[in-house]
Protein backbone atom coordinates (compact mmCIF):
# COMPACT_ATOMS: atom_id res chain seq x y z
CA MET A 1 -24.04 148.91 -15.48
CA ALA A 2 -23.06 150.99 -18.49
CA LEU A 3 -26.15 153.06 -19.18
CA SER A 4 -27.05 153.74 -22.80
CA GLU A 5 -28.89 156.74 -24.14
CA GLN A 6 -31.70 154.45 -25.26
CA GLN A 7 -32.10 152.96 -21.71
CA PHE A 8 -32.11 156.46 -20.15
CA ALA A 9 -34.63 157.70 -22.74
CA LYS A 10 -36.93 154.73 -21.90
CA TRP A 11 -36.58 155.46 -18.18
CA ILE A 12 -37.38 159.14 -18.71
CA ASP A 13 -40.41 158.20 -20.83
CA SER A 14 -41.62 155.95 -17.98
CA TYR A 15 -40.97 158.69 -15.43
CA GLY A 16 -43.04 161.16 -17.51
CA ALA A 17 -45.83 158.68 -18.18
CA ALA A 18 -46.14 157.90 -14.45
CA TRP A 19 -46.21 161.60 -13.63
CA THR A 20 -48.82 162.49 -16.20
CA ALA A 21 -50.90 159.48 -15.11
CA ARG A 22 -50.48 160.53 -11.45
CA ASP A 23 -49.62 156.92 -10.70
CA GLY A 24 -47.50 156.69 -7.56
CA GLY A 25 -47.08 152.94 -7.74
CA ARG A 26 -45.75 153.00 -11.25
CA PHE A 27 -43.54 155.97 -10.42
CA ALA A 28 -42.03 154.25 -7.38
CA GLN A 29 -41.21 151.09 -9.39
CA LEU A 30 -38.62 153.16 -11.39
CA PHE A 31 -36.54 153.26 -8.20
CA GLU A 32 -34.58 150.64 -6.22
CA GLU A 33 -36.15 149.72 -2.89
CA GLY A 34 -33.57 151.77 -0.99
CA ALA A 35 -33.29 154.66 -3.45
CA LEU A 36 -32.72 158.26 -2.42
CA TYR A 37 -34.84 160.97 -4.08
CA TYR A 38 -33.70 164.58 -3.56
CA TRP A 39 -36.59 166.91 -4.50
CA THR A 40 -34.31 169.86 -3.93
CA PRO A 41 -30.65 170.19 -2.87
CA PHE A 42 -31.77 171.79 0.40
CA GLU A 43 -34.11 169.10 1.78
CA ASP A 44 -33.46 165.68 3.14
CA PRO A 45 -34.15 162.97 0.46
CA GLN A 46 -37.10 160.72 0.27
CA LYS A 47 -35.77 157.33 1.21
CA GLY A 48 -37.04 154.16 -0.38
CA ARG A 49 -40.00 153.43 -2.58
CA ASP A 50 -42.67 153.94 0.08
CA GLU A 51 -41.48 157.45 0.90
CA ILE A 52 -40.99 158.26 -2.75
CA ALA A 53 -44.47 157.11 -3.65
CA SER A 54 -46.04 158.91 -0.67
CA ALA A 55 -44.36 162.25 -1.52
CA PHE A 56 -45.15 161.78 -5.21
CA ASN A 57 -48.86 161.09 -4.45
CA ALA A 58 -49.10 164.12 -2.21
CA ALA A 59 -47.58 166.35 -4.93
CA VAL A 60 -49.54 165.08 -7.90
CA GLY A 61 -52.82 164.96 -5.97
CA ARG A 62 -52.91 168.75 -6.44
CA GLN A 63 -52.03 168.63 -10.11
CA ARG A 64 -54.13 168.28 -13.27
CA ASP A 65 -53.49 168.48 -17.03
CA ILE A 66 -49.85 167.55 -16.64
CA ASP A 67 -47.61 167.96 -19.67
CA PHE A 68 -44.00 166.62 -19.12
CA GLY A 69 -41.05 166.63 -21.54
CA ALA A 70 -37.34 166.10 -21.23
CA ARG A 71 -34.21 165.93 -23.26
CA ILE A 72 -31.02 164.06 -22.37
CA LEU A 73 -27.98 166.18 -21.56
CA TYR A 74 -25.52 163.32 -21.07
CA VAL A 75 -25.07 159.65 -20.22
CA GLN A 76 -21.88 158.43 -18.66
CA ALA A 77 -21.19 155.10 -16.94
CA ASN A 78 -24.28 154.61 -14.70
CA LEU A 79 -25.31 158.29 -14.66
CA GLY A 80 -27.77 160.16 -16.77
CA ALA A 81 -28.70 163.84 -16.74
CA ALA A 82 -31.66 165.51 -18.40
CA HIS A 83 -33.24 168.92 -18.76
CA TRP A 84 -37.03 168.67 -18.17
CA THR A 85 -40.05 170.93 -18.30
CA CYS A 86 -43.56 170.45 -17.07
CA SER A 87 -46.74 172.42 -17.28
CA LEU A 88 -49.68 171.57 -15.01
CA THR A 89 -52.77 173.05 -13.55
CA ARG A 90 -53.19 173.44 -9.80
CA ALA A 91 -56.35 171.63 -8.84
CA THR A 92 -57.15 174.07 -5.97
CA THR A 93 -56.68 177.33 -7.91
CA GLY A 94 -56.93 176.46 -11.58
CA LYS A 95 -53.71 178.28 -12.16
CA ARG A 96 -51.44 177.00 -14.92
CA VAL A 97 -47.85 176.48 -13.63
CA HIS A 98 -44.64 176.03 -15.65
CA ILE A 99 -41.64 174.24 -14.15
CA ASP A 100 -38.12 174.01 -15.60
CA GLY A 101 -35.53 171.69 -14.19
CA ILE A 102 -32.51 169.41 -14.43
CA PHE A 103 -32.15 165.96 -12.90
CA VAL A 104 -29.19 163.58 -12.47
CA VAL A 105 -29.94 159.93 -11.96
CA GLN A 106 -27.57 157.19 -10.77
CA PHE A 107 -28.71 153.69 -11.90
CA SER A 108 -28.22 150.20 -10.51
CA ASP A 109 -27.31 147.24 -12.66
CA SER A 110 -31.02 146.41 -12.85
CA GLY A 111 -31.76 149.75 -14.61
CA LYS A 112 -33.61 151.30 -11.64
CA ALA A 113 -32.68 154.58 -10.07
CA LEU A 114 -30.46 154.41 -6.95
CA SER A 115 -30.12 158.13 -6.46
CA PHE A 116 -32.20 160.93 -8.03
CA ARG A 117 -31.25 164.58 -7.63
CA GLU A 118 -33.19 167.44 -9.16
CA TRP A 119 -33.02 171.22 -9.32
CA TRP A 120 -35.99 173.12 -10.53
CA HIS A 121 -37.85 176.40 -10.57
CA SER A 122 -41.44 177.31 -11.33
CA ASP A 123 -43.22 180.48 -12.37
CA GLU A 124 -45.55 180.11 -9.44
CA GLY A 125 -45.17 183.10 -7.16
């Protein structure tokens, strides 16, 4: 599949909407059944929709007032990269957290993510 900027932008919008809605089912549907999701480059990936949804639900269960935004850095062949930011409130502490990151997504012909790799940092100490 030759990914277009419009397709990638729509996928990013869906990713952000699922995150802000804290909807693990909708989030997991953005990925192929056997997709790999690398939360950081130093951990083993989440494998498949069930693991991705479970990890997502565990993470967002502690988040409130989520504000996500992203801009496309490039699209080439079946790859897309974006710079993203997110602000959220920790449910347990009430602390506002800011996260800045990059992700690179490899897509299948169906337009779902096959591989998702991200690098991020937060101001949480």
